[in-house]
N, C-alpha and C. Protein backbone atom coordinates (compact mmCIF):
# COMPACT_ATOMS: atom_id res chain seq x y z
N MET A 1 181.78 140.48 -69.62
CA MET A 1 180.44 139.98 -69.38
C MET A 1 179.58 141.09 -68.80
N LEU A 2 178.28 140.92 -68.99
CA LEU A 2 177.33 141.89 -68.48
C LEU A 2 176.61 141.34 -67.26
N PRO A 3 176.20 142.21 -66.36
CA PRO A 3 175.30 141.73 -65.30
C PRO A 3 173.93 141.47 -65.92
N PHE A 4 172.97 141.02 -65.14
CA PHE A 4 171.66 140.74 -65.69
C PHE A 4 170.82 141.98 -65.96
N GLY A 5 171.40 143.16 -65.88
CA GLY A 5 170.66 144.36 -66.23
C GLY A 5 170.21 144.29 -67.68
N ARG A 6 169.01 144.73 -67.95
CA ARG A 6 168.45 144.63 -69.29
C ARG A 6 168.98 145.72 -70.20
N MET A 7 169.34 145.33 -71.39
CA MET A 7 169.69 146.28 -72.44
C MET A 7 168.44 146.43 -73.31
N ASN A 8 168.56 147.19 -74.38
CA ASN A 8 167.43 147.35 -75.28
C ASN A 8 167.14 146.07 -76.04
N LYS A 9 165.85 145.85 -76.32
CA LYS A 9 165.45 144.71 -77.13
C LYS A 9 165.96 144.91 -78.54
N GLU A 10 166.53 143.84 -79.11
CA GLU A 10 167.03 143.93 -80.48
C GLU A 10 166.99 142.56 -81.14
N ARG A 11 167.19 142.54 -82.43
CA ARG A 11 167.17 141.28 -83.18
C ARG A 11 168.37 140.41 -82.76
N ILE A 12 168.12 139.11 -82.63
CA ILE A 12 169.17 138.17 -82.25
C ILE A 12 170.33 138.23 -83.24
N ASP A 13 170.02 138.31 -84.54
CA ASP A 13 171.07 138.38 -85.56
C ASP A 13 171.98 139.58 -85.35
N ASP A 14 171.42 140.72 -84.95
CA ASP A 14 172.22 141.92 -84.72
C ASP A 14 173.13 141.75 -83.50
N ILE A 15 172.61 141.10 -82.46
CA ILE A 15 173.44 140.84 -81.27
C ILE A 15 174.61 139.94 -81.65
N ARG A 16 174.33 138.88 -82.40
CA ARG A 16 175.39 137.94 -82.79
C ARG A 16 176.47 138.61 -83.62
N LYS A 17 176.09 139.54 -84.47
CA LYS A 17 177.07 140.23 -85.33
C LYS A 17 178.02 141.12 -84.52
N ARG A 18 177.56 141.60 -83.38
CA ARG A 18 178.35 142.53 -82.58
C ARG A 18 179.49 141.85 -81.81
N TYR A 19 179.38 140.55 -81.58
CA TYR A 19 180.36 139.84 -80.76
C TYR A 19 181.02 138.74 -81.58
N LYS A 20 182.33 138.84 -81.76
CA LYS A 20 183.07 137.86 -82.56
C LYS A 20 183.62 136.76 -81.64
N ASP A 21 183.37 135.53 -82.03
CA ASP A 21 183.90 134.36 -81.31
C ASP A 21 183.56 134.36 -79.82
N GLU A 22 182.30 134.66 -79.50
CA GLU A 22 181.87 134.64 -78.10
C GLU A 22 180.56 133.88 -77.96
N TRP A 23 180.36 133.36 -76.75
CA TRP A 23 179.09 132.76 -76.38
C TRP A 23 178.19 133.85 -75.83
N LEU A 24 176.89 133.76 -76.13
CA LEU A 24 175.93 134.79 -75.75
C LEU A 24 174.79 134.17 -74.94
N LEU A 25 174.37 134.88 -73.92
CA LEU A 25 173.18 134.53 -73.16
C LEU A 25 172.17 135.64 -73.42
N ILE A 26 171.05 135.28 -74.05
CA ILE A 26 170.07 136.27 -74.50
C ILE A 26 168.71 135.93 -73.91
N ALA A 27 168.08 136.90 -73.25
CA ALA A 27 166.70 136.74 -72.79
C ALA A 27 165.80 136.87 -74.02
N VAL A 28 164.98 135.88 -74.26
CA VAL A 28 164.16 135.85 -75.47
C VAL A 28 162.87 136.64 -75.25
N ASP A 29 162.61 137.60 -76.16
CA ASP A 29 161.40 138.41 -76.11
C ASP A 29 160.41 138.06 -77.22
N GLU A 30 160.92 137.58 -78.34
CA GLU A 30 160.03 137.25 -79.46
C GLU A 30 160.55 136.00 -80.18
N VAL A 31 159.62 135.10 -80.50
CA VAL A 31 159.94 133.85 -81.17
C VAL A 31 159.11 133.76 -82.45
N ASP A 32 159.69 133.22 -83.51
CA ASP A 32 158.95 132.98 -84.75
C ASP A 32 157.90 131.92 -84.46
N PRO A 33 156.61 132.21 -84.68
CA PRO A 33 155.56 131.26 -84.33
C PRO A 33 155.60 129.97 -85.16
N ASP A 34 156.18 130.02 -86.34
CA ASP A 34 156.22 128.83 -87.20
C ASP A 34 157.40 127.92 -86.88
N THR A 35 158.57 128.51 -86.64
CA THR A 35 159.79 127.71 -86.45
C THR A 35 160.23 127.64 -84.99
N GLN A 36 159.67 128.47 -84.12
CA GLN A 36 160.06 128.58 -82.71
C GLN A 36 161.49 129.08 -82.56
N GLN A 37 162.04 129.67 -83.60
CA GLN A 37 163.38 130.26 -83.58
C GLN A 37 163.32 131.61 -82.86
N PRO A 38 164.19 131.85 -81.85
CA PRO A 38 164.21 133.16 -81.20
C PRO A 38 164.55 134.25 -82.22
N LEU A 39 163.80 135.36 -82.20
CA LEU A 39 164.02 136.46 -83.14
C LEU A 39 164.57 137.72 -82.47
N GLU A 40 164.03 138.06 -81.30
CA GLU A 40 164.45 139.28 -80.60
C GLU A 40 164.65 138.98 -79.13
N GLY A 41 165.54 139.79 -78.52
CA GLY A 41 165.79 139.61 -77.10
C GLY A 41 166.72 140.66 -76.55
N HIS A 42 167.12 140.45 -75.30
CA HIS A 42 168.03 141.33 -74.57
C HIS A 42 169.29 140.55 -74.24
N LEU A 43 170.44 141.11 -74.54
CA LEU A 43 171.69 140.46 -74.18
C LEU A 43 171.87 140.51 -72.66
N LEU A 44 172.10 139.35 -72.07
CA LEU A 44 172.31 139.26 -70.62
C LEU A 44 173.78 139.10 -70.27
N ALA A 45 174.50 138.32 -71.07
CA ALA A 45 175.92 138.07 -70.80
C ALA A 45 176.59 137.60 -72.08
N HIS A 46 177.91 137.80 -72.14
CA HIS A 46 178.69 137.31 -73.28
C HIS A 46 180.10 137.03 -72.81
N GLY A 47 180.76 136.11 -73.48
CA GLY A 47 182.13 135.78 -73.13
C GLY A 47 182.66 134.66 -74.00
N PRO A 48 183.97 134.43 -73.95
CA PRO A 48 184.59 133.43 -74.82
C PRO A 48 184.42 131.99 -74.35
N HIS A 49 183.98 131.78 -73.11
CA HIS A 49 183.92 130.43 -72.56
C HIS A 49 182.47 129.99 -72.34
N ARG A 50 182.09 128.91 -73.01
CA ARG A 50 180.72 128.40 -72.92
C ARG A 50 180.34 128.06 -71.49
N ASN A 51 181.25 127.47 -70.74
CA ASN A 51 180.93 127.09 -69.37
C ASN A 51 180.56 128.28 -68.51
N ASP A 52 181.22 129.42 -68.70
CA ASP A 52 180.88 130.63 -67.93
C ASP A 52 179.46 131.08 -68.25
N ILE A 53 179.12 131.07 -69.52
CA ILE A 53 177.78 131.50 -69.93
C ILE A 53 176.73 130.51 -69.45
N HIS A 54 177.06 129.23 -69.51
CA HIS A 54 176.13 128.21 -69.02
C HIS A 54 175.87 128.41 -67.52
N GLU A 55 176.90 128.67 -66.74
CA GLU A 55 176.73 128.90 -65.31
C GLU A 55 175.85 130.13 -65.05
N MET A 56 176.05 131.18 -65.83
CA MET A 56 175.21 132.38 -65.67
C MET A 56 173.76 132.09 -66.04
N SER A 57 173.55 131.22 -67.03
CA SER A 57 172.17 130.91 -67.46
C SER A 57 171.38 130.24 -66.33
N LYS A 58 172.04 129.55 -65.43
CA LYS A 58 171.37 128.90 -64.31
C LYS A 58 170.77 129.91 -63.34
N GLN A 59 171.29 131.13 -63.35
CA GLN A 59 170.82 132.17 -62.44
C GLN A 59 169.66 132.97 -63.02
N PHE A 60 169.37 132.79 -64.31
CA PHE A 60 168.31 133.53 -64.97
C PHE A 60 167.05 132.69 -64.99
N SER A 61 165.92 133.26 -64.58
CA SER A 61 164.69 132.46 -64.45
C SER A 61 163.75 132.56 -65.65
N GLY A 62 164.03 133.43 -66.61
CA GLY A 62 163.14 133.56 -67.76
C GLY A 62 163.56 132.65 -68.90
N THR A 63 162.95 132.86 -70.05
CA THR A 63 163.32 132.12 -71.25
C THR A 63 164.59 132.70 -71.81
N ALA A 64 165.62 131.89 -71.93
CA ALA A 64 166.92 132.39 -72.38
C ALA A 64 167.46 131.50 -73.51
N TYR A 65 168.34 132.09 -74.27
CA TYR A 65 168.94 131.46 -75.44
C TYR A 65 170.45 131.54 -75.29
N VAL A 66 171.12 130.40 -75.31
CA VAL A 66 172.58 130.38 -75.29
C VAL A 66 173.02 130.01 -76.70
N VAL A 67 173.81 130.89 -77.30
CA VAL A 67 174.21 130.67 -78.69
C VAL A 67 175.62 131.20 -78.91
N TYR A 68 176.34 130.58 -79.82
CA TYR A 68 177.65 131.07 -80.21
C TYR A 68 177.45 132.17 -81.24
N SER A 69 178.28 133.20 -81.20
CA SER A 69 178.08 134.35 -82.08
C SER A 69 178.34 134.06 -83.55
N GLU A 70 179.18 133.09 -83.82
CA GLU A 70 179.52 132.77 -85.21
C GLU A 70 178.67 131.61 -85.72
N ASP A 71 178.53 131.51 -87.03
CA ASP A 71 177.83 130.37 -87.62
C ASP A 71 178.67 129.12 -87.48
N TRP A 72 178.02 127.99 -87.28
CA TRP A 72 178.71 126.72 -87.25
C TRP A 72 179.11 126.36 -88.68
N PRO A 73 180.24 125.69 -88.85
CA PRO A 73 180.58 125.17 -90.18
C PRO A 73 179.49 124.22 -90.65
N ASP A 74 179.30 124.13 -91.95
CA ASP A 74 178.23 123.28 -92.52
C ASP A 74 178.35 121.82 -92.12
N ASP A 75 179.56 121.34 -91.87
CA ASP A 75 179.74 119.93 -91.55
C ASP A 75 179.77 119.65 -90.04
N LEU A 76 179.30 120.61 -89.22
CA LEU A 76 179.32 120.45 -87.78
C LEU A 76 177.92 120.64 -87.22
N ALA A 77 177.54 119.78 -86.30
CA ALA A 77 176.26 119.90 -85.61
C ALA A 77 176.51 119.85 -84.11
N ALA A 78 175.67 120.52 -83.35
CA ALA A 78 175.83 120.52 -81.89
C ALA A 78 174.47 120.56 -81.24
N CYS A 79 174.40 119.99 -80.06
CA CYS A 79 173.17 120.01 -79.29
C CYS A 79 173.54 120.15 -77.82
N PHE A 80 172.88 121.07 -77.13
CA PHE A 80 173.14 121.28 -75.71
C PHE A 80 171.84 121.10 -74.95
N LEU A 81 171.87 120.31 -73.93
CA LEU A 81 170.71 120.11 -73.08
C LEU A 81 171.01 120.79 -71.75
N ILE A 82 170.19 121.78 -71.41
CA ILE A 82 170.36 122.50 -70.15
C ILE A 82 169.18 122.18 -69.27
N ILE A 83 169.46 121.56 -68.14
CA ILE A 83 168.39 121.14 -67.23
C ILE A 83 168.41 122.01 -66.00
């Protein structure tokens, strides 16, 4: 896992490709204005356990994106509500 130190801004897709089977916490820097899909950001943390990444997300005060690095199977849907 990474501390909250900022890395270089990069495309979300490129960050996801770099980490296999891990959860990612990404500070969002750019969003598609039409779809509101995060496009670019800074990797804040990564790891194999969603709960660890979720706990770290509570400590970050900006706009963040928690996502799994791999694509979901076509027959699976998921929704996470972080309050």
